[in-house]
PDB file of N, CA and C in Angstrom:
ATOM      1  N   MET A   1     -32.360  23.037  56.289  1.00  0.00           N
ATOM      2  CA  MET A   1     -31.048  22.627  55.775  1.00  0.00           C
ATOM      3  C   MET A   1     -31.210  21.573  54.700  1.00  0.00           C
ATOM      4  N   LEU A   2     -32.091  20.588  54.955  1.00  0.00           N
ATOM      5  CA  LEU A   2     -32.328  19.524  54.001  1.00  0.00           C
ATOM      6  C   LEU A   2     -32.924  20.080  52.698  1.00  0.00           C
ATOM      7  N   LYS A   3     -33.834  21.032  52.813  1.00  0.00           N
ATOM      8  CA  LYS A   3     -34.451  21.676  51.632  1.00  0.00           C
ATOM      9  C   LYS A   3     -33.372  22.395  50.822  1.00  0.00           C
ATOM     10  N   GLN A   4     -32.478  23.063  51.476  1.00  0.00           N
ATOM     11  CA  GLN A   4     -31.430  23.802  50.808  1.00  0.00           C
ATOM     12  C   GLN A   4     -30.507  22.832  50.054  1.00  0.00           C
ATOM     13  N   ALA A   5     -30.153  21.750  50.643  1.00  0.00           N
ATOM     14  CA  ALA A   5     -29.311  20.724  49.984  1.00  0.00           C
ATOM     15  C   ALA A   5     -30.017  20.120  48.786  1.00  0.00           C
ATOM     16  N   ALA A   6     -31.298  19.838  48.931  1.00  0.00           N
ATOM     17  CA  ALA A   6     -32.085  19.247  47.845  1.00  0.00           C
ATOM     18  C   ALA A   6     -32.176  20.229  46.686  1.00  0.00           C
ATOM     19  N   SER A   7     -32.384  21.509  46.943  1.00  0.00           N
ATOM     20  CA  SER A   7     -32.504  22.480  45.879  1.00  0.00           C
ATOM     21  C   SER A   7     -31.183  22.650  45.147  1.00  0.00           C
ATOM     22  N   LYS A   8     -30.063  22.549  45.854  1.00  0.00           N
ATOM     23  CA  LYS A   8     -28.770  22.648  45.191  1.00  0.00           C
ATOM     24  C   LYS A   8     -28.560  21.463  44.262  1.00  0.00           C
ATOM     25  N   MET A   9     -28.974  20.283  44.672  1.00  0.00           N
ATOM     26  CA  MET A   9     -28.777  19.082  43.855  1.00  0.00           C
ATOM     27  C   MET A   9     -29.648  19.117  42.618  1.00  0.00           C
ATOM     28  N   ALA A  10     -30.792  19.775  42.655  1.00  0.00           N
ATOM     29  CA  ALA A  10     -31.724  19.759  41.520  1.00  0.00           C
ATOM     30  C   ALA A  10     -31.456  20.874  40.534  1.00  0.00           C
ATOM     31  N   ARG A  11     -30.472  21.713  40.771  1.00  0.00           N
ATOM     32  CA  ARG A  11     -30.174  22.811  39.871  1.00  0.00           C
ATOM     33  C   ARG A  11     -29.686  22.319  38.523  1.00  0.00           C
ATOM     34  N   PRO A  12     -30.055  23.015  37.464  1.00  0.00           N
ATOM     35  CA  PRO A  12     -29.458  22.676  36.144  1.00  0.00           C
ATOM     36  C   PRO A  12     -27.941  22.848  36.201  1.00  0.00           C
ATOM     37  N   ARG A  13     -27.241  22.126  35.380  1.00  0.00           N
ATOM     38  CA  ARG A  13     -25.774  22.086  35.451  1.00  0.00           C
ATOM     39  C   ARG A  13     -25.196  22.580  34.124  1.00  0.00           C
ATOM     40  N   SER A  14     -24.331  23.554  34.199  1.00  0.00           N
ATOM     41  CA  SER A  14     -23.659  24.115  33.035  1.00  0.00           C
ATOM     42  C   SER A  14     -22.391  23.336  32.722  1.00  0.00           C
ATOM     43  N   THR A  15     -22.201  23.030  31.451  1.00  0.00           N
ATOM     44  CA  THR A  15     -20.985  22.335  31.010  1.00  0.00           C
ATOM     45  C   THR A  15     -20.401  23.060  29.817  1.00  0.00           C
ATOM     46  N   PHE A  16     -19.124  22.938  29.643  1.00  0.00           N
ATOM     47  CA  PHE A  16     -18.368  23.550  28.546  1.00  0.00           C
ATOM     48  C   PHE A  16     -18.156  22.467  27.491  1.00  0.00           C
ATOM     49  N   PHE A  17     -18.231  22.840  26.213  1.00  0.00           N
ATOM     50  CA  PHE A  17     -17.952  21.842  25.169  1.00  0.00           C
ATOM     51  C   PHE A  17     -17.040  22.429  24.107  1.00  0.00           C
ATOM     52  N   ARG A  18     -16.285  21.535  23.481  1.00  0.00           N
ATOM     53  CA  ARG A  18     -15.419  21.867  22.328  1.00  0.00           C
ATOM     54  C   ARG A  18     -15.768  20.901  21.221  1.00  0.00           C
ATOM     55  N   VAL A  19     -15.746  21.396  20.004  1.00  0.00           N
ATOM     56  CA  VAL A  19     -16.075  20.575  18.838  1.00  0.00           C
ATOM     57  C   VAL A  19     -14.795  20.342  18.057  1.00  0.00           C
ATOM     58  N   SER A  20     -14.589  19.130  17.537  1.00  0.00           N
ATOM     59  CA  SER A  20     -13.363  18.764  16.869  1.00  0.00           C
ATOM     60  C   SER A  20     -13.229  19.330  15.451  1.00  0.00           C
ATOM     61  N   GLN A  21     -14.310  19.870  14.903  1.00  0.00           N
ATOM     62  CA  GLN A  21     -14.297  20.429  13.555  1.00  0.00           C
ATOM     63  C   GLN A  21     -14.876  21.855  13.568  1.00  0.00           C
ATOM     64  N   LYS A  22     -14.620  22.563  12.472  1.00  0.00           N
ATOM     65  CA  LYS A  22     -15.216  23.878  12.331  1.00  0.00           C
ATOM     66  C   LYS A  22     -16.729  23.770  12.282  1.00  0.00           C
ATOM     67  N   ILE A  23     -17.390  24.832  12.721  1.00  0.00           N
ATOM     68  CA  ILE A  23     -18.846  24.912  12.660  1.00  0.00           C
ATOM     69  C   ILE A  23     -19.173  26.055  11.687  1.00  0.00           C
ATOM     70  N   PRO A  24     -19.233  25.741  10.385  1.00  0.00           N
ATOM     71  CA  PRO A  24     -19.389  26.828   9.412  1.00  0.00           C
ATOM     72  C   PRO A  24     -20.787  27.398   9.302  1.00  0.00           C
ATOM     73  N   THR A  25     -21.836  26.634   9.660  1.00  0.00           N
ATOM     74  CA  THR A  25     -23.192  27.130   9.475  1.00  0.00           C
ATOM     75  C   THR A  25     -24.052  26.834  10.687  1.00  0.00           C
ATOM     76  N   MET A  26     -25.228  27.452  10.714  1.00  0.00           N
ATOM     77  CA  MET A  26     -26.176  27.187  11.764  1.00  0.00           C
ATOM     78  C   MET A  26     -26.631  25.726  11.750  1.00  0.00           C
ATOM     79  N   GLU A  27     -26.701  25.149  10.563  1.00  0.00           N
ATOM     80  CA  GLU A  27     -27.090  23.740  10.446  1.00  0.00           C
ATOM     81  C   GLU A  27     -26.086  22.813  11.139  1.00  0.00           C
ATOM     82  N   HIS A  28     -24.803  23.138  11.030  1.00  0.00           N
ATOM     83  CA  HIS A  28     -23.763  22.392  11.716  1.00  0.00           C
ATOM     84  C   HIS A  28     -23.930  22.547  13.219  1.00  0.00           C
ATOM     85  N   ALA A  29     -24.203  23.758  13.655  1.00  0.00           N
ATOM     86  CA  ALA A  29     -24.396  24.007  15.089  1.00  0.00           C
ATOM     87  C   ALA A  29     -25.617  23.212  15.598  1.00  0.00           C
ATOM     88  N   ARG A  30     -26.672  23.139  14.811  1.00  0.00           N
ATOM     89  CA  ARG A  30     -27.852  22.361  15.204  1.00  0.00           C
ATOM     90  C   ARG A  30     -27.547  20.872  15.354  1.00  0.00           C
ATOM     91  N   GLU A  31     -26.674  20.360  14.508  1.00  0.00           N
ATOM     92  CA  GLU A  31     -26.281  18.949  14.652  1.00  0.00           C
ATOM     93  C   GLU A  31     -25.543  18.684  15.951  1.00  0.00           C
ATOM     94  N   VAL A  32     -24.689  19.638  16.329  1.00  0.00           N
ATOM     95  CA  VAL A  32     -23.972  19.524  17.597  1.00  0.00           C
ATOM     96  C   VAL A  32     -24.976  19.549  18.745  1.00  0.00           C
ATOM     97  N   VAL A  33     -25.919  20.475  18.698  1.00  0.00           N
ATOM     98  CA  VAL A  33     -26.933  20.559  19.760  1.00  0.00           C
ATOM     99  C   VAL A  33     -27.763  19.294  19.811  1.00  0.00           C
ATOM    100  N   ARG A  34     -28.114  18.754  18.647  1.00  0.00           N
ATOM    101  CA  ARG A  34     -28.886  17.515  18.594  1.00  0.00           C
ATOM    102  C   ARG A  34     -28.131  16.387  19.316  1.00  0.00           C
ATOM    103  N   ALA A  35     -26.820  16.285  19.089  1.00  0.00           N
ATOM    104  CA  ALA A  35     -26.010  15.257  19.753  1.00  0.00           C
ATOM    105  C   ALA A  35     -25.977  15.502  21.258  1.00  0.00           C
ATOM    106  N   LEU A  36     -25.805  16.746  21.684  1.00  0.00           N
ATOM    107  CA  LEU A  36     -25.791  17.051  23.107  1.00  0.00           C
ATOM    108  C   LEU A  36     -27.176  16.774  23.732  1.00  0.00           C
ATOM    109  N   ARG A  37     -28.237  17.100  23.007  1.00  0.00           N
ATOM    110  CA  ARG A  37     -29.570  16.908  23.518  1.00  0.00           C
ATOM    111  C   ARG A  37     -29.925  15.419  23.636  1.00  0.00           C
ATOM    112  N   SER A  38     -29.281  14.587  22.858  1.00  0.00           N
ATOM    113  CA  SER A  38     -29.547  13.133  22.945  1.00  0.00           C
ATOM    114  C   SER A  38     -29.151  12.592  24.301  1.00  0.00           C
ATOM    115  N   GLN A  39     -28.378  13.330  25.074  1.00  0.00           N
ATOM    116  CA  GLN A  39     -27.957  12.898  26.407  1.00  0.00           C
ATOM    117  C   GLN A  39     -28.866  13.358  27.527  1.00  0.00           C
ATOM    118  N   GLY A  40     -29.795  14.251  27.211  1.00  0.00           N
ATOM    119  CA  GLY A  40     -30.707  14.742  28.211  1.00  0.00           C
ATOM    120  C   GLY A  40     -31.299  16.098  27.811  1.00  0.00           C
ATOM    121  N   GLU A  41     -32.371  16.491  28.483  1.00  0.00           N
ATOM    122  CA  GLU A  41     -33.056  17.744  28.162  1.00  0.00           C
ATOM    123  C   GLU A  41     -32.159  18.954  28.480  1.00  0.00           C
ATOM    124  N   LEU A  42     -32.128  19.869  27.538  1.00  0.00           N
ATOM    125  CA  LEU A  42     -31.324  21.076  27.684  1.00  0.00           C
ATOM    126  C   LEU A  42     -32.186  22.254  28.140  1.00  0.00           C
ATOM    127  N   VAL A  43     -31.630  23.092  28.972  1.00  0.00           N
ATOM    128  CA  VAL A  43     -32.273  24.330  29.376  1.00  0.00           C
ATOM    129  C   VAL A  43     -31.784  25.453  28.470  1.00  0.00           C
ATOM    130  N   GLU A  44     -30.507  25.388  28.123  1.00  0.00           N
ATOM    131  CA  GLU A  44     -29.872  26.483  27.343  1.00  0.00           C
ATOM    132  C   GLU A  44     -28.616  25.949  26.670  1.00  0.00           C
ATOM    133  N   TYR A  45     -28.281  26.563  25.546  1.00  0.00           N
ATOM    134  CA  TYR A  45     -27.004  26.298  24.926  1.00  0.00           C
ATOM    135  C   TYR A  45     -26.514  27.588  24.271  1.00  0.00           C
ATOM    136  N   LYS A  46     -25.185  27.688  24.146  1.00  0.00           N
ATOM    137  CA  LYS A  46     -24.605  28.891  23.551  1.00  0.00           C
ATOM    138  C   LYS A  46     -23.311  28.518  22.873  1.00  0.00           C
ATOM    139  N   PHE A  47     -23.241  28.840  21.576  1.00  0.00           N
ATOM    140  CA  PHE A  47     -22.003  28.722  20.829  1.00  0.00           C
ATOM    141  C   PHE A  47     -21.309  30.079  20.880  1.00  0.00           C
ATOM    142  N   MET A  48     -20.030  30.070  21.100  1.00  0.00           N
ATOM    143  CA  MET A  48     -19.286  31.311  21.098  1.00  0.00           C
ATOM    144  C   MET A  48     -19.022  31.701  19.643  1.00  0.00           C
ATOM    145  N   ARG A  49     -18.997  33.002  19.403  1.00  0.00           N
ATOM    146  CA  ARG A  49     -18.745  33.525  18.058  1.00  0.00           C
ATOM    147  C   ARG A  49     -17.620  34.565  18.110  1.00  0.00           C
ATOM    148  N   CYS A  50     -16.938  34.675  16.978  1.00  0.00           N
ATOM    149  CA  CYS A  50     -15.925  35.707  16.833  1.00  0.00           C
ATOM    150  C   CYS A  50     -16.646  37.055  16.805  1.00  0.00           C
ATOM    151  N   PRO A  51     -16.219  38.001  17.644  1.00  0.00           N
ATOM    152  CA  PRO A  51     -16.907  39.302  17.670  1.00  0.00           C
ATOM    153  C   PRO A  51     -16.809  40.097  16.376  1.00  0.00           C
ATOM    154  N   GLU A  52     -15.749  39.842  15.605  1.00  0.00           N
ATOM    155  CA  GLU A  52     -15.554  40.631  14.380  1.00  0.00           C
ATOM    156  C   GLU A  52     -16.257  39.968  13.185  1.00  0.00           C
ATOM    157  N   THR A  53     -16.074  38.663  13.020  1.00  0.00           N
ATOM    158  CA  THR A  53     -16.637  37.996  11.828  1.00  0.00           C
ATOM    159  C   THR A  53     -18.000  37.340  12.097  1.00  0.00           C
ATOM    160  N   ARG A  54     -18.347  37.168  13.380  1.00  0.00           N
ATOM    161  CA  ARG A  54     -19.585  36.509  13.795  1.00  0.00           C
ATOM    162  C   ARG A  54     -19.603  35.017  13.422  1.00  0.00           C
ATOM    163  N   GLN A  55     -18.460  34.473  13.014  1.00  0.00           N
ATOM    164  CA  GLN A  55     -18.373  33.052  12.727  1.00  0.00           C
ATOM    165  C   GLN A  55     -18.394  32.273  14.044  1.00  0.00           C
ATOM    166  N   TYR A  56     -18.973  31.072  13.961  1.00  0.00           N
ATOM    167  CA  TYR A  56     -19.004  30.186  15.131  1.00  0.00           C
ATOM    168  C   TYR A  56     -17.579  29.755  15.474  1.00  0.00           C
ATOM    169  N   LEU A  57     -17.242  29.805  16.754  1.00  0.00           N
ATOM    170  CA  LEU A  57     -15.989  29.239  17.219  1.00  0.00           C
ATOM    171  C   LEU A  57     -16.260  27.796  17.540  1.00  0.00           C
ATOM    172  N   ARG A  58     -15.261  27.046  17.878  1.00  0.00           N
ATOM    173  CA  ARG A  58     -15.439  25.586  18.080  1.00  0.00           C
ATOM    174  C   ARG A  58     -15.755  25.229  19.536  1.00  0.00           C
ATOM    175  N   TYR A  59     -16.386  26.141  20.278  1.00  0.00           N
ATOM    176  CA  TYR A  59     -16.694  25.824  21.664  1.00  0.00           C
ATOM    177  C   TYR A  59     -17.916  26.629  22.107  1.00  0.00           C
ATOM    178  N   GLY A  60     -18.456  26.190  23.272  1.00  0.00           N
ATOM    179  CA  GLY A  60     -19.601  26.880  23.837  1.00  0.00           C
ATOM    180  C   GLY A  60     -20.012  26.254  25.148  1.00  0.00           C
ATOM    181  N   PHE A  61     -21.200  26.546  25.586  1.00  0.00           N
ATOM    182  CA  PHE A  61     -21.726  26.078  26.852  1.00  0.00           C
ATOM    183  C   PHE A  61     -23.108  25.482  26.659  1.00  0.00           C
ATOM    184  N   VAL A  62     -23.432  24.481  27.448  1.00  0.00           N
ATOM    185  CA  VAL A  62     -24.732  23.858  27.431  1.00  0.00           C
ATOM    186  C   VAL A  62     -25.157  23.657  28.876  1.00  0.00           C
ATOM    187  N   VAL A  63     -26.462  23.806  29.130  1.00  0.00           N
ATOM    188  CA  VAL A  63     -26.977  23.596  30.479  1.00  0.00           C
ATOM    189  C   VAL A  63     -28.013  22.487  30.403  1.00  0.00           C
ATOM    190  N   TYR A  64     -27.758  21.420  31.145  1.00  0.00           N
ATOM    191  CA  TYR A  64     -28.693  20.290  31.244  1.00  0.00           C
ATOM    192  C   TYR A  64     -29.687  20.554  32.374  1.00  0.00           C
ATOM    193  N   LYS A  65     -30.940  20.247  32.095  1.00  0.00           N
ATOM    194  CA  LYS A  65     -31.987  20.477  33.117  1.00  0.00           C
ATOM    195  C   LYS A  65     -31.763  19.616  34.345  1.00  0.00           C
ATOM    196  N   GLN A  66     -31.441  18.343  34.112  1.00  0.00           N
ATOM    197  CA  GLN A  66     -31.212  17.395  35.232  1.00  0.00           C
ATOM    198  C   GLN A  66     -29.717  17.259  35.467  1.00  0.00           C
ATOM    199  N   PRO A  67     -29.250  17.516  36.660  1.00  0.00           N
ATOM    200  CA  PRO A  67     -27.804  17.401  36.956  1.00  0.00           C
ATOM    201  C   PRO A  67     -27.259  16.015  36.649  1.00  0.00           C
ATOM    202  N   GLU A  68     -28.075  14.989  36.798  1.00  0.00           N
ATOM    203  CA  GLU A  68     -27.581  13.618  36.536  1.00  0.00           C
ATOM    204  C   GLU A  68     -27.259  13.428  35.065  1.00  0.00           C
ATOM    205  N   ASN A  69     -27.959  14.096  34.164  1.00  0.00           N
ATOM    206  CA  ASN A  69     -27.635  14.041  32.751  1.00  0.00           C
ATOM    207  C   ASN A  69     -26.283  14.683  32.473  1.00  0.00           C
ATOM    208  N   ALA A  70     -26.048  15.816  33.108  1.00  0.00           N
ATOM    209  CA  ALA A  70     -24.746  16.485  32.983  1.00  0.00           C
ATOM    210  C   ALA A  70     -23.649  15.598  33.517  1.00  0.00           C
ATOM    211  N   GLU A  71     -23.877  14.956  34.640  1.00  0.00           N
ATOM    212  CA  GLU A  71     -22.864  14.051  35.229  1.00  0.00           C
ATOM    213  C   GLU A  71     -22.561  12.904  34.273  1.00  0.00           C
ATOM    214  N   LYS A  72     -23.606  12.345  33.664  1.00  0.00           N
ATOM    215  CA  LYS A  72     -23.424  11.241  32.725  1.00  0.00           C
ATOM    216  C   LYS A  72     -22.575  11.665  31.556  1.00  0.00           C
ATOM    217  N   VAL A  73     -22.858  12.845  31.001  1.00  0.00           N
ATOM    218  CA  VAL A  73     -22.097  13.375  29.863  1.00  0.00           C
ATOM    219  C   VAL A  73     -20.662  13.644  30.277  1.00  0.00           C
ATOM    220  N   LEU A  74     -20.464  14.212  31.468  1.00  0.00           N
ATOM    221  CA  LEU A  74     -19.098  14.493  31.942  1.00  0.00           C
ATOM    222  C   LEU A  74     -18.300  13.209  32.150  1.00  0.00           C
ATOM    223  N   GLU A  75     -18.960  12.146  32.540  1.00  0.00           N
ATOM    224  CA  GLU A  75     -18.267  10.842  32.692  1.00  0.00           C
ATOM    225  C   GLU A  75     -17.859  10.299  31.321  1.00  0.00           C
ATOM    226  N   GLN A  76     -18.710  10.460  30.321  1.00  0.00           N
ATOM    227  CA  GLN A  76     -18.397   9.977  28.962  1.00  0.00           C
ATOM    228  C   GLN A  76     -17.264  10.802  28.338  1.00  0.00           C
ATOM    229  N   ARG A  77     -17.276  12.119  28.597  1.00  0.00           N
ATOM    230  CA  ARG A  77     -16.332  13.110  28.078  1.00  0.00           C
ATOM    231  C   ARG A  77     -16.446  13.396  26.602  1.00  0.00           C
ATOM    232  N   PHE A  78     -16.797  12.434  25.775  1.00  0.00           N
ATOM    233  CA  PHE A  78     -16.915  12.681  24.337  1.00  0.00           C
ATOM    234  C   PHE A  78     -18.275  12.201  23.828  1.00  0.00           C
ATOM    235  N   ILE A  79     -18.843  12.993  22.927  1.00  0.00           N
ATOM    236  CA  ILE A  79     -20.099  12.642  22.262  1.00  0.00           C
ATOM    237  C   ILE A  79     -19.807  12.673  20.775  1.00  0.00           C
ATOM    238  N   LYS A  80     -20.218  11.643  20.048  1.00  0.00           N
ATOM    239  CA  LYS A  80     -19.995  11.634  18.619  1.00  0.00           C
ATOM    240  C   LYS A  80     -21.171  12.253  17.861  1.00  0.00           C
ATOM    241  N   VAL A  81     -20.871  13.085  16.886  1.00  0.00           N
ATOM    242  CA  VAL A  81     -21.842  13.617  15.942  1.00  0.00           C
ATOM    243  C   VAL A  81     -21.616  12.782  14.681  1.00  0.00           C
ATOM    244  N   PRO A  82     -22.585  11.976  14.255  1.00  0.00           N
ATOM    245  CA  PRO A  82     -22.380  11.132  13.093  1.00  0.00           C
ATOM    246  C   PRO A  82     -22.160  11.946  11.818  1.00  0.00           C
ATOM    247  N   PRO A  83     -21.454  11.340  10.839  1.00  0.00           N
ATOM    248  CA  PRO A  83     -21.275  12.075   9.571  1.00  0.00           C
ATOM    249  C   PRO A  83     -22.658  12.311   8.955  1.00  0.00           C
ATOM    250  N   GLY A  84     -22.723  13.276   8.161  1.00  0.00           N
ATOM    251  CA  GLY A  84     -23.986  13.713   7.553  1.00  0.00           C
ATOM    252  C   GLY A  84     -23.684  15.115   7.054  1.00  0.00           C
ATOM    253  N   ILE A  85     -24.125  16.089   7.804  1.00  0.00           N
ATOM    254  CA  ILE A  85     -23.794  17.466   7.463  1.00  0.00           C
ATOM    255  C   ILE A  85     -22.290  17.729   7.609  1.00  0.00           C
ATOM    256  N   PHE A  86     -21.671  17.079   8.610  1.00  0.00           N
ATOM    257  CA  PHE A  86     -20.228  17.067   8.730  1.00  0.00           C
ATOM    258  C   PHE A  86     -19.732  15.958   7.811  1.00  0.00           C
ATOM    259  N   LYS A  87     -18.692  16.205   7.056  1.00  0.00           N
ATOM    260  CA  LYS A  87     -18.194  15.189   6.100  1.00  0.00           C
ATOM    261  C   LYS A  87     -17.712  13.920   6.787  1.00  0.00           C
ATOM    262  N   THR A  88     -17.092  14.081   7.943  1.00  0.00           N
ATOM    263  CA  THR A  88     -16.665  12.928   8.725  1.00  0.00           C
ATOM    264  C   THR A  88     -17.239  13.062  10.144  1.00  0.00           C
ATOM    265  N   ALA A  89     -17.230  11.982  10.887  1.00  0.00           N
ATOM    266  CA  ALA A  89     -17.759  12.008  12.262  1.00  0.00           C
ATOM    267  C   ALA A  89     -17.014  13.112  13.026  1.00  0.00           C
ATOM    268  N   CYS A  90     -17.751  13.783  13.859  1.00  0.00           N
ATOM    269  CA  CYS A  90     -17.223  14.910  14.636  1.00  0.00           C
ATOM    270  C   CYS A  90     -17.355  14.516  16.104  1.00  0.00           C
ATOM    271  N   GLU A  91     -16.402  14.915  16.909  1.00  0.00           N
ATOM    272  CA  GLU A  91     -16.474  14.653  18.348  1.00  0.00           C
ATOM    273  C   GLU A  91     -16.684  15.946  19.112  1.00  0.00           C
ATOM    274  N   VAL A  92     -17.501  15.842  20.150  1.00  0.00           N
ATOM    275  CA  VAL A  92     -17.731  16.963  21.065  1.00  0.00           C
ATOM    276  C   VAL A  92     -17.172  16.557  22.418  1.00  0.00           C
ATOM    277  N   LYS A  93     -16.194  17.300  22.888  1.00  0.00           N
ATOM    278  CA  LYS A  93     -15.600  17.041  24.195  1.00  0.00           C
ATOM    279  C   LYS A  93     -16.344  17.902  25.213  1.00  0.00           C
ATOM    280  N   VAL A  94     -16.801  17.266  26.295  1.00  0.00           N
ATOM    281  CA  VAL A  94     -17.568  17.974  27.312  1.00  0.00           C
ATOM    282  C   VAL A  94     -16.771  18.007  28.604  1.00  0.00           C
ATOM    283  N   GLU A  95     -16.738  19.193  29.230  1.00  0.00           N
ATOM    284  CA  GLU A  95     -16.003  19.398  30.482  1.00  0.00           C
ATOM    285  C   GLU A  95     -16.849  20.219  31.429  1.00  0.00           C
ATOM    286  N   THR A  96     -16.498  20.188  32.682  1.00  0.00           N
ATOM    287  CA  THR A  96     -17.172  21.038  33.661  1.00  0.00           C
ATOM    288  C   THR A  96     -16.882  22.489  33.316  1.00  0.00           C
ATOM    289  N   ALA A  97     -17.901  23.321  33.303  1.00  0.00           N
ATOM    290  CA  ALA A  97     -17.700  24.748  33.014  1.00  0.00           C
ATOM    291  C   ALA A  97     -16.753  25.324  34.059  1.00  0.00           C
ATOM    292  N   GLY A  98     -15.747  26.053  33.581  1.00  0.00           N
ATOM    293  CA  GLY A  98     -14.775  26.636  34.491  1.00  0.00           C
ATOM    294  C   GLY A  98     -13.500  25.867  34.604  1.00  0.00           C
ATOM    295  N   SER A  99     -13.486  24.604  34.133  1.00  0.00           N
ATOM    296  CA  SER A  99     -12.242  23.819  34.193  1.00  0.00           C
ATOM    297  C   SER A  99     -11.820  23.481  32.774  1.00  0.00           C
ATOM    298  N   ARG A 100     -10.539  23.580  32.525  1.00  0.00           N
ATOM    299  CA  ARG A 100     -10.003  23.242  31.191  1.00  0.00           C
ATOM    300  C   ARG A 100      -8.914  22.209  31.398  1.00  0.00           C
ATOM    301  N   SER A 101      -9.075  21.056  30.724  1.00  0.00           N
ATOM    302  CA  SER A 101      -8.023  20.026  30.835  1.00  0.00           C
ATOM    303  C   SER A 101      -7.572  19.572  29.497  1.00  0.00           C
TER     304      SER A 101
END
C-alpha cells in the first residue's frame, strides 16, 4: 500500500496552459516552452493547433517530471514570458488539466 501511494505521488503531472497573445510561429512557441521549463523539467508539451489552418492556438498542455514543480506553477498561476520575440511581455496562465476557471 505504501509503495502504491509513493508511486502515485511521483507521477509526472499534466497541466493546462493558456497564452495571453497569439503564437504565430514555432519560435514564439519555443519562448513559451522556455518560460514553462524555467519552472522545472518537462516530460512533454503540446500546443493545440487549428485542424484546418494548422496555426497554433493560444493553449496547450505541459507535463512536469516532478509533481512538486507542477504544484509550484499551479500556485503561481501565471508565468511571464519577457518581451523579445513577443513585442510586449506575454503571460501564460497555468491550470490543472481538466479544470477551467
